[in-house]
Amino acid sequence: MSLLAKLIPAKSAKVGGLVAGLSALFATLAPMDAQALPAFARQTGQNCVSCHAGGQFPELTPYGRLFKLTGYTMGARALPLAVMGVIGAAKVADTRKSDDPGADFQKNGQPVLSSASLFIAGKITDNLGLFSQISYDNYAMQDANGNFHGHSGADNVDLRFADRFIDAKRDLIYGLSLNNNPSVTDPWNTAAAWMQYVPVADSLSSHQFTDASTPFPGFDAAATALAGVNAYVYWNKTYYGELGFYGTAKGIVRPLSWGTPTADLQYLKGFGNPYWRLAYTRELGAHNFMVGSTGMIAHAYDAGSDISDSNNLGSFRNLGVDAQYQYLLDPHTVTVQVAFMREKQAHSANAMAAAETVFFRADGSAVGAPSASESDNVLRAKASYVYQAKYGGSLAFFNKSGNTNTLNQSSGYDASGAIDPSSTRVNGNLSGNPGTRGMTYEAFWTPLQNVRVGLQYTAYSKFNGASANYDGFGRNASDNNTLYGYVWFAY
């Protein structure tokens, strides 16, 4: 019996199918040559564990961070192509409290191609390098007949110019980046772009409660591809600073949002939307530490609105703090990460003018008026251990809190005290509060440096502001507990 089959309890035919499908896929991958490395490994001639802590791509070691900060230019030019794919399946704990389980939990327990990516990346000149990812979502759209259709688009893009000066008293790295995602430039895995690391088929509703969909510190104004120019410096491997400005990826920088329909672009006001990052780092033998802060201010138009009307303009203000510790000494790898982000959102004048209070409390009294502003706080902590770059596990805690706002209420009562028929099942929010809390437990095995087999279990103690009956139809937070198995490969 395969390790994955031992780890997953065969509680149903669907879960049995998951085990069989993932095990069969791994059987086809196992004979492949372990030296068929991704583009950066070919370029540097290094093993995956040189750049990735315990081989956990994309989490970086000090060497991996140095490679990124010097513009992906270390080593010799090589074939600048790599591919990545994930086969996974998600099993939601309880699908009974739904009037349409097929729609609310699509492909529940069934193996699917979670995601696939093509990377064009590597050294261009001695000072210029590129990291670019084009991703394919096999379940991006579903037609009226229930058939799924795939879609591709630009994912993460980071084009860098970098240089380094070293003498007896200084080690200075500086650079410029043209990129499409605030914090994609960040070399630490506490960054918003990198702390979530296992791709899932997030277009499928059965995957909506996996660890990848739990709260992560991030920038809501960067929900779709933007365009930004960032400048950064790294002094004596101790002090890091970065400043960038972002706007809509249109016109000459439209390739940064390739695959995103024009109507779906995130429209910001001009390119005066700053992002910043500060960090203090130390390396002491096998130990390395980082403490830092990050933030962004963005003036964003409401989705699909007229950007010539300033009354459609709202704002986001983010401020975060984070820390990371790594112990890297073969055969042990230990990583601890903590990140906290506070986001304040001010809704546009038109959004507030259109806001309606359609629900009542259970006693028939009116709920409070919608608020023009709100704040969310997200805390994320994770500890992981890897032995011999093969066997590992992690434990993650997440907690999102914030103020209650009836603008975000999607379920409620009518004047008689009964659940309003317009209320939303499964994803509904009866309170208007964003509170979500839980844990993710993970075990994984890396039999080859290009292949990882993993199992995650995400357990919720709170969802959409409540532990019980959060949607008004009797659904509890624990009903969303999800088992997710995956095979992840990169070549």
Foldseek 3Di string as FASTA:
>chain_A
DDPLVVVDDCPDVLLVQQSVVFVVVVVVVVVDDLPPDAQLCVQQVDFCCQAAFLLPPPAGDPSVLVCLLQAQQPGHHDQQKKKKWKWKAKAFQDQPLDPCSCQLAPCHSHIDTFKMWMWRWHHDDNFKIKTWIKMKQQAQDADPVRDGHMFIWTDKIWIKGKDWDDDPPKIKIKIKIKIWFVCPSPNHQLTQVHVQPDGGNCSGSNCCLPPSNADHAGDPLSPATWIKMKIWMQMPVFKIKMKMWIAWCDDPNVNNTGRQDPLQTWGFDPRHKMKMKIKGKDDDPQKIKIKIKIWIKTWTFDRNDDPVDQLRIKIKIKIKIKMKMWGHDPQKIKIKIKMKMKMKIFGGNVLLVPQDQQADALQLHGDDRFDRMKMKMKIKIKMKMHGNSFKIKMKMKIWMWIDAGSSQAQWHHHNNNATDPRFDPPQGAHTSIQTWIWMKIKIWGPPRSFKIKMKIWIATCDGNHGQFCRRVSTDGRRSRTMIMIMMMGMD
